[in-house]
Amino acid sequence: MPRENRRVKLTKLLLTDSFLQLLAQKPLSRITVKSICEHADLNRSTYYQYYKDPYDQLEKLETSIIADMASCIDDSPQKYQTQNTALRTAIQNILDYMYSNKDMFRILLSNNTDISLQKDIQTIFAETLIPKYFNPAANKTALQEFIFISNGSFGIIYYWLMIDTQIPAEELAMQIACYVEKFLD
């Protein structure tokens, strides 16, 4: 994929910022291309170079977020770590990413959007993160356990992001990893 130049990155950043600010105020169904462009002080033709409509913009934003979260898992150094330590490191990398973007996550996980991002985050846990460190075939009820773990992990993370309990990402990662490890032992 070709790298974007600075102007394109800045334009997309302005459109995303405008979109998120509007999404914080009203449901996605009430956001128009015109309002995004007015808020970003950009032309509609510029908007249409990158997005079809606000729904497409949300989908592309969520796809980018999930790719970033998946890279948090892939970037976890596993070579010199035990399985449990590597799991905690991967979870902490995800939490660090989410916390550094907590305002965006608070908006995207609010009632003004659908639950597709929530489902994608749960999928990261259930299909990407957990099987990377544990063998799901070793357990007959693995699918149900993965669903339970991913929903529970998301619930803890959601509470952490939305309530801002000031629990350090490292501590929360350790708690989630402990729950996962207990369940999958």
Protein backbone atom coordinates (compact mmCIF):
# COMPACT_ATOMS: atom_id res chain seq x y z
CA MET A 1 0.00 0.00 0.00
CA PRO A 2 1.51 3.37 -0.96
CA ARG A 3 2.37 5.78 1.79
CA GLU A 4 0.20 8.84 2.15
CA ASN A 5 1.77 12.25 1.89
CA ARG A 6 1.49 14.76 4.72
CA ARG A 7 -1.32 16.73 3.12
CA VAL A 8 -3.48 13.62 2.70
CA LYS A 9 -2.78 12.57 6.29
CA LEU A 10 -3.64 16.03 7.58
CA THR A 11 -6.84 16.16 5.54
CA LYS A 12 -7.95 12.75 6.81
CA LEU A 13 -7.05 13.77 10.35
CA LEU A 14 -9.19 16.91 10.05
CA LEU A 15 -12.10 14.91 8.64
CA THR A 16 -11.78 12.26 11.36
CA ASP A 17 -11.56 14.86 14.12
CA SER A 18 -14.60 16.67 12.76
CA PHE A 19 -16.50 13.41 12.39
CA LEU A 20 -15.70 12.31 15.94
CA GLN A 21 -16.66 15.67 17.42
CA LEU A 22 -20.02 15.51 15.67
CA LEU A 23 -20.48 11.87 16.66
CA ALA A 24 -19.95 12.85 20.29
CA GLN A 25 -22.94 15.19 19.96
CA LYS A 26 -25.43 13.20 17.90
CA PRO A 27 -26.15 9.78 16.39
CA LEU A 28 -24.43 8.68 13.22
CA SER A 29 -27.73 8.76 11.34
CA ARG A 30 -27.95 12.53 11.91
CA ILE A 31 -24.42 13.36 10.72
CA THR A 32 -24.12 14.64 7.18
CA VAL A 33 -21.18 15.06 4.85
CA LYS A 34 -22.01 18.76 4.77
CA SER A 35 -21.76 19.08 8.57
CA ILE A 36 -18.45 17.17 8.66
CA CYS A 37 -16.99 19.39 5.94
CA GLU A 38 -18.24 22.61 7.51
CA HIS A 39 -16.80 21.59 10.86
CA ALA A 40 -13.46 20.65 9.25
CA ASP A 41 -13.50 23.73 6.99
CA LEU A 42 -12.99 21.54 3.91
CA ASN A 43 -14.86 21.17 0.64
CA ARG A 44 -17.27 18.30 0.08
CA SER A 45 -15.29 17.26 -2.99
CA THR A 46 -12.30 16.73 -0.70
CA TYR A 47 -14.42 14.54 1.55
CA TYR A 48 -15.56 12.39 -1.37
CA GLN A 49 -11.95 11.71 -2.34
CA TYR A 50 -11.70 9.54 0.77
CA TYR A 51 -15.20 8.54 1.87
CA LYS A 52 -18.61 7.84 0.34
CA ASP A 53 -20.59 8.96 3.38
CA PRO A 54 -20.35 9.05 7.21
CA TYR A 55 -21.09 5.31 7.41
CA ASP A 56 -18.16 4.58 5.11
CA GLN A 57 -16.00 6.93 7.16
CA LEU A 58 -16.93 5.09 10.35
CA GLU A 59 -16.24 1.71 8.76
CA LYS A 60 -12.81 2.82 7.52
CA LEU A 61 -11.97 4.31 10.91
CA GLU A 62 -12.95 1.10 12.69
CA THR A 63 -10.96 -1.00 10.19
CA SER A 64 -7.91 1.15 10.89
CA ILE A 65 -8.38 0.80 14.65
CA ILE A 66 -8.67 -2.98 14.45
CA ALA A 67 -5.54 -3.14 12.28
CA ASP A 68 -3.69 -1.06 14.87
CA MET A 69 -4.90 -3.35 17.66
CA ALA A 70 -3.85 -6.45 15.72
CA SER A 71 -0.40 -4.93 15.25
CA CYS A 72 -0.24 -4.42 19.04
CA ILE A 73 -0.51 -8.18 19.34
CA ASP A 74 1.97 -8.84 16.54
CA ASP A 75 4.46 -6.37 18.03
CA SER A 76 4.51 -8.16 21.38
CA PRO A 77 7.98 -9.62 21.87
CA GLN A 78 7.45 -13.32 22.47
CA LYS A 79 10.93 -14.67 21.91
CA TYR A 80 12.20 -14.42 25.49
CA GLN A 81 8.90 -14.54 27.34
CA THR A 82 6.81 -17.26 28.85
CA GLN A 83 3.39 -17.85 27.37
CA ASN A 84 1.67 -16.01 30.24
CA THR A 85 4.06 -13.04 30.15
CA ALA A 86 3.64 -12.73 26.37
CA LEU A 87 -0.15 -12.73 26.77
CA ARG A 88 0.05 -9.98 29.39
CA THR A 89 2.39 -7.94 27.19
CA ALA A 90 0.04 -8.25 24.20
CA ILE A 91 -2.97 -7.24 26.32
CA GLN A 92 -1.04 -4.33 27.80
CA ASN A 93 -0.04 -3.16 24.30
CA ILE A 94 -3.71 -3.15 23.32
CA LEU A 95 -4.70 -1.31 26.50
CA ASP A 96 -1.92 1.25 26.03
CA TYR A 97 -3.18 1.89 22.50
CA MET A 98 -6.79 2.17 23.67
CA TYR A 99 -5.91 4.45 26.56
CA SER A 100 -3.82 6.75 24.40
CA ASN A 101 -6.90 7.05 22.16
CA LYS A 102 -9.48 6.92 24.95
CA ASP A 103 -11.44 9.97 23.80
CA MET A 104 -11.93 8.39 20.39
CA PHE A 105 -12.91 5.05 21.94
CA ARG A 106 -15.35 6.74 24.30
CA ILE A 107 -17.10 8.29 21.32
CA LEU A 108 -17.00 5.18 19.15
CA LEU A 109 -18.27 2.94 21.94
CA SER A 110 -21.04 5.35 22.91
CA ASN A 111 -24.70 4.97 22.07
CA ASN A 112 -24.31 7.15 18.96
CA THR A 113 -22.79 4.33 16.91
CA ASP A 114 -23.53 0.70 16.23
CA ILE A 115 -21.76 -2.14 18.03
CA SER A 116 -19.48 -3.21 15.17
CA LEU A 117 -16.34 -1.88 16.87
CA GLN A 118 -17.29 -3.69 20.08
CA LYS A 119 -17.71 -6.93 18.13
CA ASP A 120 -14.38 -6.41 16.38
CA ILE A 121 -12.59 -5.83 19.70
CA GLN A 122 -14.15 -9.00 21.07
CA THR A 123 -13.02 -10.82 17.94
CA ILE A 124 -9.47 -9.60 18.52
CA PHE A 125 -9.57 -11.31 21.91
CA ALA A 126 -11.48 -14.43 20.89
CA GLU A 127 -9.88 -15.21 17.54
CA THR A 128 -6.54 -13.46 17.49
CA LEU A 129 -5.13 -12.93 20.96
CA ILE A 130 -6.26 -15.95 22.97
CA PRO A 131 -5.54 -18.68 20.37
CA LYS A 132 -2.09 -17.19 19.84
CA TYR A 133 -1.18 -18.15 23.40
CA PHE A 134 -3.44 -21.12 24.10
CA ASN A 135 -4.51 -24.17 22.10
CA PRO A 136 -8.29 -23.94 21.59
CA ALA A 137 -8.43 -27.50 20.21
CA ALA A 138 -7.30 -28.85 23.59
CA ASN A 139 -10.65 -28.02 25.14
CA LYS A 140 -14.10 -29.23 24.02
CA THR A 141 -15.85 -26.08 25.21
CA ALA A 142 -13.26 -23.70 23.75
CA LEU A 143 -15.73 -21.74 21.63
CA GLN A 144 -18.02 -20.99 24.57
CA GLU A 145 -15.04 -20.11 26.74
CA PHE A 146 -13.61 -17.80 24.09
CA ILE A 147 -16.96 -16.05 23.78
CA PHE A 148 -17.20 -15.70 27.55
CA ILE A 149 -13.61 -14.46 27.86
CA SER A 150 -13.88 -11.99 25.00
CA ASN A 151 -17.16 -10.57 26.32
CA GLY A 152 -15.79 -10.37 29.85
CA SER A 153 -12.53 -8.80 28.69
CA PHE A 154 -14.41 -6.25 26.65
CA GLY A 155 -16.68 -5.46 29.61
CA ILE A 156 -13.69 -4.79 31.85
CA ILE A 157 -12.00 -2.66 29.21
CA TYR A 158 -15.23 -0.78 28.47
CA TYR A 159 -15.68 0.07 32.13
CA TRP A 160 -12.04 1.11 32.38
CA LEU A 161 -12.27 3.42 29.36
CA MET A 162 -15.68 4.92 30.08
CA ILE A 163 -15.37 5.41 33.84
CA ASP A 164 -11.62 6.21 33.79
CA THR A 165 -10.81 4.39 36.99
CA GLN A 166 -7.13 5.34 36.82
CA ILE A 167 -6.06 1.71 36.95
CA PRO A 168 -2.73 1.52 35.10
CA ALA A 169 -2.83 -0.44 31.83
CA GLU A 170 -0.18 -2.79 33.19
CA GLU A 171 -2.33 -3.70 36.21
CA LEU A 172 -5.47 -4.15 34.12
CA ALA A 173 -3.58 -6.28 31.59
CA MET A 174 -2.41 -8.50 34.43
CA GLN A 175 -5.98 -8.86 35.74
CA ILE A 176 -7.39 -9.76 32.32
CA ALA A 177 -4.53 -12.16 31.60
CA CYS A 178 -5.11 -13.86 34.97
CA TYR A 179 -8.81 -14.36 34.11
CA VAL A 180 -7.87 -15.76 30.71
CA GLU A 181 -5.21 -18.04 32.17
CA LYS A 182 -7.57 -19.40 34.86
CA PHE A 183 -10.22 -20.10 32.29
CA LEU A 184 -7.93 -21.81 29.81
CA ASP A 185 -5.84 -23.88 32.22
